[in-house]
Amino acid sequence: MKKWIALLTTILLVLTSLSIAFADHDRGNGKSKDKRKDHKEFELGIEVLMEEQKELISGKNVGLITNPTGVDQELNSIVDLLDKDPEVNLTALYGPEHGVRGDAQAGQYVDYYIDEVTGVPVYSLYGKTRKPTPEMLEGIDVLIFDIQDVGARFYTYIYTMALAMEAAEEQGIPFIVLDRPNPLGGTKVEGPVLDPAFASFVGQYAIPLRHGMTVGELAEFFNAEIGIGADLTVVEMMGWKRNSFYDETGLQFVPPSPNMPTLDTALVYPGTALIEGTNVSEGRGTTKPFEFIGAPFINSTELAEALNALELPGVSFRAASFTPAFSKHASQLSHGIQVHVTDRESYLPIETGLHIVKTIYDLYPEQVQLTAFFNNLIGNDWISQGIKEGMTVEEMKERWQGELKEFKEVRREYLLY
């Protein structure tokens, strides 16, 4: 019996030695499963920066453009991560629309103040100026942008980024974009390309309504195609797949703005936000902004039936009534629809949004107003004119295809994933 025990012990020792030897051999030849410690299959730009590219900010005075979405996968704020890091000097914060802490409503101006948590000065990029002034950037060695976009041309954060890139270039300051996913995925590109004559802060550059790009890719596009020419570094994500919706990344959805509470909101937003350019409520002031659409003069059953009769892909419309707490028709009972995305793969938000606007206009032409802001949102004036003249959405789509195809060809050069 003792001989068998001794033999088994010897065999185990030999096997253990061989295992260690093979492991050392693999490491010596660079064949270990991963060179990075605590590697995750998916990493955000902020995580790649702190774990692998820290030299970009170590020992430097850092200016940070961010809001509540600037968090890592454990929901740690980039503000806190940089403020607590002994190798980094967080010097100034810059807030886009809705502010650094996300406590300002749409269109509300935010003044200069001192952040209570860090004691760092906060400058508004949605107040008297939307572009950082030389005084705001005084003493800054590097400027970082880390904000979650939602994938629609008229979401203003991407223009805050572009204007900050311009300011950084003018002051000779390197600009870093920490990349984040496009919540709608990065494969589908839809809608008309902006006519520069209708450029505004809800659409500054000639890109389509659904651009299918990340903020890092847009930064590269703006830098080259718009001619900003900043000293730009995009810290790319690791492991992001272009065809992934936000909830397929494993990330928690942090509302990018007060009226963008869920991924469901983001899915419909590129189309239903067009309602903002009318006198119909887009659901602001309700628990379902951009999913509730209505007005006091609408017959909800009539509208839902008319839209469902179109049999649009991936979407159903439910007759609904609601009373907005603020914004359009505040405190007034409004009637209309709730938009339910039933298949997000086949759902076309831009076409759906235009069908909603056109159907409401066709049903209530005496009550519905298409404002100048609608033209800014859609990026031209021919669509609003077409709606008034009976143009079909199919005809609209056909008309914008040429410029959309050209954009897609240029876009391909700037895709990072």
Protein backbone atom coordinates (compact mmCIF):
# COMPACT_ATOMS: atom_id res chain seq x y z
CA MET A 1 0.00 0.00 0.00
CA LYS A 2 2.83 2.40 0.94
CA LYS A 3 4.50 1.71 -2.41
CA TRP A 4 1.30 2.69 -4.27
CA ILE A 5 0.98 5.91 -2.23
CA ALA A 6 4.60 6.78 -2.93
CA LEU A 7 4.12 6.11 -6.64
CA LEU A 8 0.98 8.28 -6.82
CA THR A 9 2.77 11.08 -4.97
CA THR A 10 5.64 10.93 -7.43
CA ILE A 11 3.26 11.07 -10.42
CA LEU A 12 1.42 14.08 -8.97
CA LEU A 13 4.69 15.93 -8.42
CA VAL A 14 5.77 15.27 -12.00
CA LEU A 15 2.43 16.43 -13.41
CA THR A 16 2.53 19.60 -11.29
CA SER A 17 6.06 20.40 -12.51
CA LEU A 18 5.04 19.87 -16.13
CA SER A 19 2.00 22.15 -15.68
CA ILE A 20 4.17 24.94 -14.24
CA ALA A 21 6.74 24.48 -17.01
CA PHE A 22 4.11 24.71 -19.76
CA ALA A 23 2.56 27.78 -18.14
CA ASP A 24 5.95 29.50 -17.92
CA HIS A 25 6.65 28.54 -21.53
CA ASP A 26 3.36 30.05 -22.71
CA ARG A 27 4.01 33.26 -20.79
CA GLY A 28 7.52 33.46 -22.19
CA ASN A 29 6.15 33.18 -25.72
CA GLY A 30 3.35 35.70 -25.16
CA LYS A 31 0.68 32.98 -25.29
CA SER A 32 -1.03 33.73 -22.01
CA LYS A 33 -4.79 34.14 -22.36
CA ASP A 34 -4.50 37.86 -21.78
CA LYS A 35 -1.71 40.27 -21.06
CA ARG A 36 -3.95 42.55 -19.04
CA LYS A 37 -4.69 42.01 -15.41
CA ASP A 38 -8.37 41.61 -14.51
CA HIS A 39 -9.28 41.81 -18.21
CA LYS A 40 -12.96 42.13 -19.11
CA GLU A 41 -14.46 41.15 -22.44
CA PHE A 42 -15.82 44.68 -22.78
CA GLU A 43 -14.19 47.90 -21.60
CA LEU A 44 -15.23 51.52 -21.90
CA GLY A 45 -12.87 54.26 -22.98
CA ILE A 46 -12.58 55.50 -19.39
CA GLU A 47 -11.47 52.04 -18.25
CA VAL A 48 -8.91 51.69 -21.03
CA LEU A 49 -7.57 55.15 -20.17
CA MET A 50 -7.11 54.41 -16.46
CA GLU A 51 -5.73 50.90 -16.97
CA GLU A 52 -3.60 51.20 -20.10
CA GLN A 53 -3.19 54.78 -21.32
CA LYS A 54 -2.73 56.69 -18.08
CA GLU A 55 0.35 58.39 -19.50
CA LEU A 56 -2.02 60.64 -21.49
CA ILE A 57 -3.07 62.41 -18.29
CA SER A 58 -0.49 61.58 -15.60
CA GLY A 59 1.08 64.67 -14.04
CA LYS A 60 -1.15 67.00 -16.06
CA ASN A 61 -3.80 69.60 -15.32
CA VAL A 62 -6.96 68.00 -16.68
CA GLY A 63 -10.12 69.71 -17.87
CA LEU A 64 -13.12 67.38 -18.04
CA ILE A 65 -16.31 67.70 -20.07
CA THR A 66 -18.80 65.23 -18.65
CA ASN A 67 -22.20 64.60 -17.09
CA PRO A 68 -23.77 61.77 -15.03
CA THR A 69 -23.17 59.28 -17.85
CA GLY A 70 -19.42 59.59 -17.40
CA VAL A 71 -19.09 56.41 -15.32
CA ASP A 72 -17.23 53.11 -15.56
CA GLN A 73 -18.95 49.74 -15.52
CA GLU A 74 -19.12 49.81 -11.73
CA LEU A 75 -20.88 53.19 -11.99
CA ASN A 76 -17.93 55.10 -10.53
CA SER A 77 -17.98 58.68 -11.79
CA ILE A 78 -15.03 59.79 -13.90
CA VAL A 79 -15.10 63.00 -11.87
CA ASP A 80 -14.38 61.04 -8.69
CA LEU A 81 -11.90 58.69 -10.39
CA LEU A 82 -9.78 61.59 -11.63
CA ASP A 83 -10.21 63.70 -8.51
CA LYS A 84 -9.00 60.90 -6.22
CA ASP A 85 -6.11 59.83 -8.43
CA PRO A 86 -2.82 61.18 -7.01
CA GLU A 87 -1.23 61.18 -10.47
CA VAL A 88 -3.87 63.47 -11.97
CA ASN A 89 -4.75 67.08 -11.22
CA LEU A 90 -8.44 67.60 -12.04
CA THR A 91 -8.44 71.35 -12.64
CA ALA A 92 -11.82 72.23 -14.15
CA LEU A 93 -15.18 70.69 -15.08
CA TYR A 94 -17.34 71.69 -18.04
CA GLY A 95 -21.05 70.96 -18.22
CA PRO A 96 -23.09 70.48 -21.42
CA GLU A 97 -26.85 70.97 -21.68
CA HIS A 98 -28.41 69.64 -18.42
CA GLY A 99 -25.16 70.25 -16.52
CA VAL A 100 -22.37 68.10 -15.06
CA ARG A 101 -24.73 66.56 -12.52
CA GLY A 102 -27.69 66.36 -14.94
CA ASP A 103 -29.97 68.52 -12.82
CA ALA A 104 -30.99 71.09 -15.46
CA GLN A 105 -33.98 70.71 -17.77
CA ALA A 106 -33.77 71.08 -21.55
CA GLY A 107 -32.86 74.61 -22.57
CA GLN A 108 -32.13 75.71 -18.98
CA TYR A 109 -28.98 77.78 -18.65
CA VAL A 110 -26.46 76.71 -16.03
CA ASP A 111 -24.11 79.31 -14.54
CA TYR A 112 -20.53 78.96 -13.29
CA TYR A 113 -20.25 77.37 -9.85
CA ILE A 114 -17.98 75.27 -7.61
CA ASP A 115 -18.68 71.54 -7.54
CA GLU A 116 -19.64 70.63 -3.97
CA VAL A 117 -18.02 67.20 -4.06
CA THR A 118 -14.62 68.03 -5.54
CA GLY A 119 -14.28 71.76 -4.97
CA VAL A 120 -13.38 72.08 -8.66
CA PRO A 121 -14.78 75.01 -10.68
CA VAL A 122 -17.56 74.09 -13.13
CA TYR A 123 -18.04 76.08 -16.32
CA SER A 124 -21.24 75.93 -18.33
CA LEU A 125 -21.12 75.10 -22.02
CA TYR A 126 -24.82 75.76 -22.28
CA GLY A 127 -24.98 79.29 -20.94
CA LYS A 128 -23.54 82.51 -22.29
CA THR A 129 -21.17 80.46 -24.42
CA ARG A 130 -21.32 76.95 -25.84
CA LYS A 131 -17.63 76.96 -26.69
CA PRO A 132 -14.97 77.06 -23.95
CA THR A 133 -13.35 80.48 -23.81
CA PRO A 134 -9.56 80.96 -23.42
CA GLU A 135 -10.24 82.03 -19.81
CA MET A 136 -12.09 78.75 -19.12
CA LEU A 137 -9.13 76.78 -20.46
CA GLU A 138 -6.41 78.71 -18.68
CA GLY A 139 -3.90 76.36 -17.08
CA ILE A 140 -5.36 73.25 -18.73
CA ASP A 141 -2.82 70.76 -20.17
CA VAL A 142 -5.31 68.29 -21.63
CA LEU A 143 -9.08 68.37 -22.23
CA ILE A 144 -11.18 65.19 -21.91
CA PHE A 145 -14.67 64.49 -23.24
CA ASP A 146 -16.61 61.61 -21.65
CA ILE A 147 -20.37 61.72 -22.26
CA GLN A 148 -22.85 59.10 -23.47
CA ASP A 149 -24.49 60.00 -26.77
CA VAL A 150 -27.79 58.50 -28.00
CA GLY A 151 -27.09 58.23 -31.73
CA ALA A 152 -29.31 61.01 -33.10
CA ARG A 153 -28.10 64.10 -35.00
CA PHE A 154 -30.10 66.54 -32.89
CA TYR A 155 -28.77 65.39 -29.50
CA THR A 156 -26.63 68.37 -28.54
CA TYR A 157 -23.71 66.71 -26.74
CA ILE A 158 -21.87 65.92 -29.97
CA TYR A 159 -21.79 69.63 -30.83
CA THR A 160 -20.54 70.48 -27.35
CA MET A 161 -17.72 68.07 -28.16
CA ALA A 162 -17.04 69.63 -31.57
CA LEU A 163 -16.97 73.18 -30.21
CA ALA A 164 -14.66 72.12 -27.38
CA MET A 165 -12.38 70.50 -29.95
CA GLU A 166 -12.25 73.82 -31.80
CA ALA A 167 -11.39 75.68 -28.60
CA ALA A 168 -8.72 73.13 -27.70
CA GLU A 169 -7.14 73.44 -31.14
CA GLU A 170 -7.08 77.23 -30.88
CA GLN A 171 -5.32 77.05 -27.50
CA GLY A 172 -2.94 74.25 -28.47
CA ILE A 173 -4.44 71.83 -25.95
CA PRO A 174 -4.61 68.06 -26.71
CA PHE A 175 -8.16 66.70 -26.79
CA ILE A 176 -9.11 63.21 -25.62
CA VAL A 177 -12.43 61.48 -26.34
CA LEU A 178 -13.24 58.48 -24.16
CA ASP A 179 -15.39 56.36 -26.40
CA ARG A 180 -18.76 54.86 -25.49
CA PRO A 181 -21.29 52.69 -27.37
CA ASN A 182 -23.93 54.02 -29.69
CA PRO A 183 -27.06 52.79 -27.82
CA LEU A 184 -28.81 52.06 -31.14
CA GLY A 185 -25.92 50.02 -32.47
CA GLY A 186 -23.52 51.14 -35.16
CA THR A 187 -24.77 49.47 -38.31
CA LYS A 188 -27.93 51.33 -39.36
CA VAL A 189 -27.79 54.82 -40.87
CA GLU A 190 -31.10 56.57 -41.62
CA GLY A 191 -32.74 59.80 -42.58
CA PRO A 192 -31.93 62.94 -44.53
CA VAL A 193 -28.48 64.50 -44.34
CA LEU A 194 -28.57 68.02 -42.87
CA ASP A 195 -28.75 70.90 -45.33
CA PRO A 196 -26.14 73.39 -43.99
CA ALA A 197 -28.66 76.21 -44.49
CA PHE A 198 -30.56 74.76 -41.52
CA ALA A 199 -27.57 74.27 -39.23
CA SER A 200 -28.20 74.95 -35.54
CA PHE A 201 -27.22 73.54 -32.16
CA VAL A 202 -29.61 70.64 -32.84
CA GLY A 203 -27.77 69.89 -36.07
CA GLN A 204 -24.54 71.65 -36.95
CA TYR A 205 -23.01 69.41 -39.57
CA ALA A 206 -24.05 67.44 -42.66
CA ILE A 207 -24.82 64.08 -41.08
CA PRO A 208 -28.08 62.07 -41.17
CA LEU A 209 -30.58 61.84 -38.32
CA ARG A 210 -29.37 58.38 -37.33
CA HIS A 211 -25.63 58.41 -37.96
CA GLY A 212 -24.68 54.98 -36.59
CA MET A 213 -21.40 56.22 -35.10
CA THR A 214 -19.85 56.44 -31.64
CA VAL A 215 -18.74 59.78 -30.19
CA GLY A 216 -15.13 58.78 -30.88
CA GLU A 217 -15.90 58.09 -34.52
CA LEU A 218 -17.82 61.35 -34.81
CA ALA A 219 -14.86 63.19 -33.27
CA GLU A 220 -12.56 61.74 -35.94
CA PHE A 221 -15.13 62.62 -38.63
CA PHE A 222 -15.60 66.21 -37.39
CA ASN A 223 -11.87 66.71 -36.96
CA ALA A 224 -11.07 65.76 -40.55
CA GLU A 225 -14.22 66.42 -42.59
CA ILE A 226 -15.22 69.67 -40.87
CA GLY A 227 -11.59 70.73 -40.66
CA ILE A 228 -11.30 71.28 -36.90
CA GLY A 229 -7.74 69.94 -36.87
CA ALA A 230 -7.44 69.35 -33.13
CA ASP A 231 -4.66 67.28 -31.54
CA LEU A 232 -7.15 64.45 -31.08
CA THR A 233 -6.82 61.11 -29.32
CA VAL A 234 -9.75 58.71 -29.19
CA VAL A 235 -9.41 56.13 -26.44
CA GLU A 236 -11.27 53.26 -28.00
CA MET A 237 -13.48 50.73 -26.24
CA MET A 238 -12.38 47.12 -26.09
CA GLY A 239 -14.78 44.45 -27.25
CA TRP A 240 -17.66 46.59 -28.52
CA LYS A 241 -19.60 45.08 -31.42
CA ARG A 242 -21.21 47.38 -33.95
CA ASN A 243 -24.45 45.43 -34.08
CA SER A 244 -24.99 45.59 -30.31
CA PHE A 245 -27.75 47.60 -28.69
CA TYR A 246 -26.85 49.23 -25.38
CA ASP A 247 -28.38 46.54 -23.18
CA GLU A 248 -26.30 43.89 -24.97
CA THR A 249 -23.08 45.39 -23.60
CA GLY A 250 -23.87 44.57 -19.97
CA LEU A 251 -23.79 48.28 -19.10
CA GLN A 252 -26.34 49.92 -16.82
CA PHE A 253 -28.29 52.67 -18.59
CA VAL A 254 -27.61 56.02 -16.92
CA PRO A 255 -30.04 58.67 -18.25
CA PRO A 256 -28.01 61.01 -20.50
CA SER A 257 -30.57 63.77 -19.87
CA PRO A 258 -33.74 64.26 -17.79
CA ASN A 259 -36.04 63.28 -20.66
CA MET A 260 -33.97 60.28 -21.79
CA PRO A 261 -34.73 57.91 -18.87
CA THR A 262 -34.45 54.52 -20.59
CA LEU A 263 -33.12 52.69 -23.61
CA ASP A 264 -36.72 52.47 -24.84
CA THR A 265 -36.71 56.27 -25.00
CA ALA A 266 -33.48 56.28 -26.98
CA LEU A 267 -34.89 53.78 -29.48
CA VAL A 268 -37.80 56.01 -30.47
CA TYR A 269 -36.10 59.38 -29.98
CA PRO A 270 -34.51 59.81 -33.46
CA GLY A 271 -38.01 59.85 -34.94
CA THR A 272 -40.46 61.01 -32.31
CA ALA A 273 -38.29 63.98 -31.32
CA LEU A 274 -39.49 65.52 -34.60
CA ILE A 275 -42.75 66.17 -32.73
CA GLU A 276 -40.84 68.89 -30.85
CA GLY A 277 -41.11 70.93 -34.04
CA THR A 278 -44.90 70.96 -33.82
CA ASN A 279 -47.55 72.12 -31.34
CA VAL A 280 -48.17 68.48 -30.38
CA SER A 281 -46.69 67.19 -27.12
CA GLU A 282 -43.75 64.81 -27.42
CA GLY A 283 -44.45 63.55 -23.92
CA ARG A 284 -42.14 65.85 -21.98
CA GLY A 285 -43.53 66.17 -18.48
CA THR A 286 -44.73 62.55 -18.45
CA THR A 287 -43.14 59.27 -17.38
CA LYS A 288 -42.74 58.30 -21.05
CA PRO A 289 -41.15 61.22 -22.93
CA PHE A 290 -40.94 60.64 -26.69
CA GLU A 291 -43.07 57.51 -26.30
CA PHE A 292 -46.25 59.46 -25.50
CA ILE A 293 -47.39 61.70 -28.37
CA GLY A 294 -50.56 63.78 -28.20
CA ALA A 295 -52.53 67.00 -27.86
CA PRO A 296 -55.94 68.07 -26.51
CA PHE A 297 -57.39 68.24 -30.03
CA ILE A 298 -56.41 64.67 -31.06
CA ASN A 299 -58.77 61.67 -31.03
CA SER A 300 -56.52 58.93 -29.62
CA THR A 301 -58.46 56.00 -31.08
CA GLU A 302 -58.55 57.59 -34.52
CA LEU A 303 -54.82 58.29 -34.51
CA ALA A 304 -53.83 54.84 -33.22
CA GLU A 305 -55.99 53.11 -35.83
CA ALA A 306 -54.61 55.24 -38.67
CA LEU A 307 -50.99 54.53 -37.67
CA ASN A 308 -51.50 50.82 -37.07
CA ALA A 309 -53.15 50.56 -40.51
CA LEU A 310 -49.78 51.53 -42.03
CA GLU A 311 -48.28 48.29 -40.71
CA LEU A 312 -44.90 49.88 -40.08
CA PRO A 313 -42.13 47.39 -39.25
CA GLY A 314 -41.29 46.67 -35.62
CA VAL A 315 -43.77 49.05 -34.00
CA SER A 316 -47.34 49.22 -32.66
CA PHE A 317 -49.37 52.20 -31.49
CA ARG A 318 -51.67 52.19 -28.47
CA ALA A 319 -54.37 54.81 -27.95
CA ALA A 320 -53.33 56.75 -24.86
CA SER A 321 -54.20 59.88 -22.87
CA PHE A 322 -51.86 61.78 -20.57
CA THR A 323 -51.45 65.09 -18.76
CA PRO A 324 -47.97 66.66 -19.03
CA ALA A 325 -46.68 68.15 -15.80
CA PHE A 326 -44.66 70.72 -17.77
CA SER A 327 -43.71 71.74 -21.32
CA LYS A 328 -46.35 71.74 -24.08
CA HIS A 329 -49.98 71.39 -22.94
CA ALA A 330 -48.86 71.39 -19.30
CA SER A 331 -51.71 70.39 -16.95
CA GLN A 332 -53.99 69.73 -19.93
CA LEU A 333 -55.42 66.33 -20.69
CA SER A 334 -53.93 65.30 -24.03
CA HIS A 335 -54.91 62.41 -26.29
CA GLY A 336 -52.80 60.48 -28.71
CA ILE A 337 -50.63 57.39 -28.74
CA GLN A 338 -47.92 55.48 -26.98
CA VAL A 339 -45.24 54.13 -29.30
CA HIS A 340 -44.36 50.49 -28.59
CA VAL A 341 -41.28 49.06 -30.33
CA THR A 342 -42.05 45.38 -30.89
CA ASP A 343 -38.94 44.46 -32.91
CA ARG A 344 -36.03 46.84 -32.63
CA GLU A 345 -34.08 45.09 -35.39
CA SER A 346 -36.67 45.93 -38.04
CA TYR A 347 -37.91 49.18 -36.45
CA LEU A 348 -37.12 52.32 -38.47
CA PRO A 349 -37.33 55.33 -36.11
CA ILE A 350 -36.94 58.09 -38.71
CA GLU A 351 -39.60 56.79 -41.07
CA THR A 352 -41.87 56.02 -38.12
CA GLY A 353 -41.46 59.55 -36.77
CA LEU A 354 -42.28 61.08 -40.13
CA HIS A 355 -45.34 58.86 -40.49
CA ILE A 356 -46.52 60.05 -37.06
CA VAL A 357 -46.07 63.74 -37.96
CA LYS A 358 -47.67 63.33 -41.39
CA THR A 359 -50.63 61.29 -40.09
CA ILE A 360 -51.38 63.81 -37.34
CA TYR A 361 -51.13 66.63 -39.86
CA ASP A 362 -53.40 64.83 -42.35
CA LEU A 363 -56.01 64.17 -39.66
CA TYR A 364 -55.92 67.63 -38.08
CA PRO A 365 -54.54 70.09 -40.66
CA GLU A 366 -56.34 73.07 -39.11
CA GLN A 367 -54.91 72.49 -35.64
CA VAL A 368 -51.38 71.20 -36.31
CA GLN A 369 -48.52 73.67 -36.68
CA LEU A 370 -45.16 72.79 -38.21
CA THR A 371 -42.71 75.33 -36.79
CA ALA A 372 -39.36 76.59 -38.03
CA PHE A 373 -37.82 74.38 -35.36
CA PHE A 374 -39.16 71.36 -37.24
CA ASN A 375 -36.97 72.36 -40.18
CA ASN A 376 -33.94 72.58 -37.88
CA LEU A 377 -34.67 69.12 -36.49
CA ILE A 378 -35.27 67.41 -39.84
CA GLY A 379 -32.45 69.44 -41.41
CA ASN A 380 -34.25 70.98 -44.39
CA ASP A 381 -37.49 72.75 -45.35
CA TRP A 382 -38.67 70.53 -48.19
CA ILE A 383 -40.03 67.81 -45.89
CA SER A 384 -42.31 70.17 -43.96
CA GLN A 385 -43.48 71.59 -47.27
CA GLY A 386 -43.96 68.08 -48.59
CA ILE A 387 -46.11 67.13 -45.59
CA LYS A 388 -48.35 70.12 -46.27
CA GLU A 389 -48.60 69.23 -49.96
CA GLY A 390 -49.40 65.54 -49.48
CA MET A 391 -45.98 64.06 -50.21
CA THR A 392 -45.66 60.47 -49.00
CA VAL A 393 -42.95 59.31 -46.61
CA GLU A 394 -41.81 56.87 -49.31
CA GLU A 395 -41.27 59.79 -51.68
CA MET A 396 -39.34 61.65 -48.98
CA LYS A 397 -37.14 58.62 -48.36
CA GLU A 398 -36.42 58.29 -52.07
CA ARG A 399 -35.38 61.93 -52.29
CA TRP A 400 -32.82 61.75 -49.46
CA GLN A 401 -31.17 58.49 -50.61
CA GLY A 402 -28.49 60.11 -52.79
CA GLU A 403 -26.93 62.25 -50.05
CA LEU A 404 -27.34 59.44 -47.53
CA LYS A 405 -25.37 57.09 -49.78
CA GLU A 406 -22.57 59.66 -50.14
CA PHE A 407 -22.42 60.10 -46.37
CA LYS A 408 -22.18 56.35 -45.81
CA GLU A 409 -19.19 56.16 -48.13
CA VAL A 410 -17.33 58.91 -46.26
CA ARG A 411 -18.42 57.55 -42.87
CA ARG A 412 -16.76 54.23 -43.58
CA GLU A 413 -13.30 55.85 -43.33
CA TYR A 414 -13.89 56.82 -39.68
CA LEU A 415 -15.33 53.62 -38.23
CA LEU A 416 -13.12 52.31 -35.41
CA TYR A 417 -14.90 49.01 -34.75
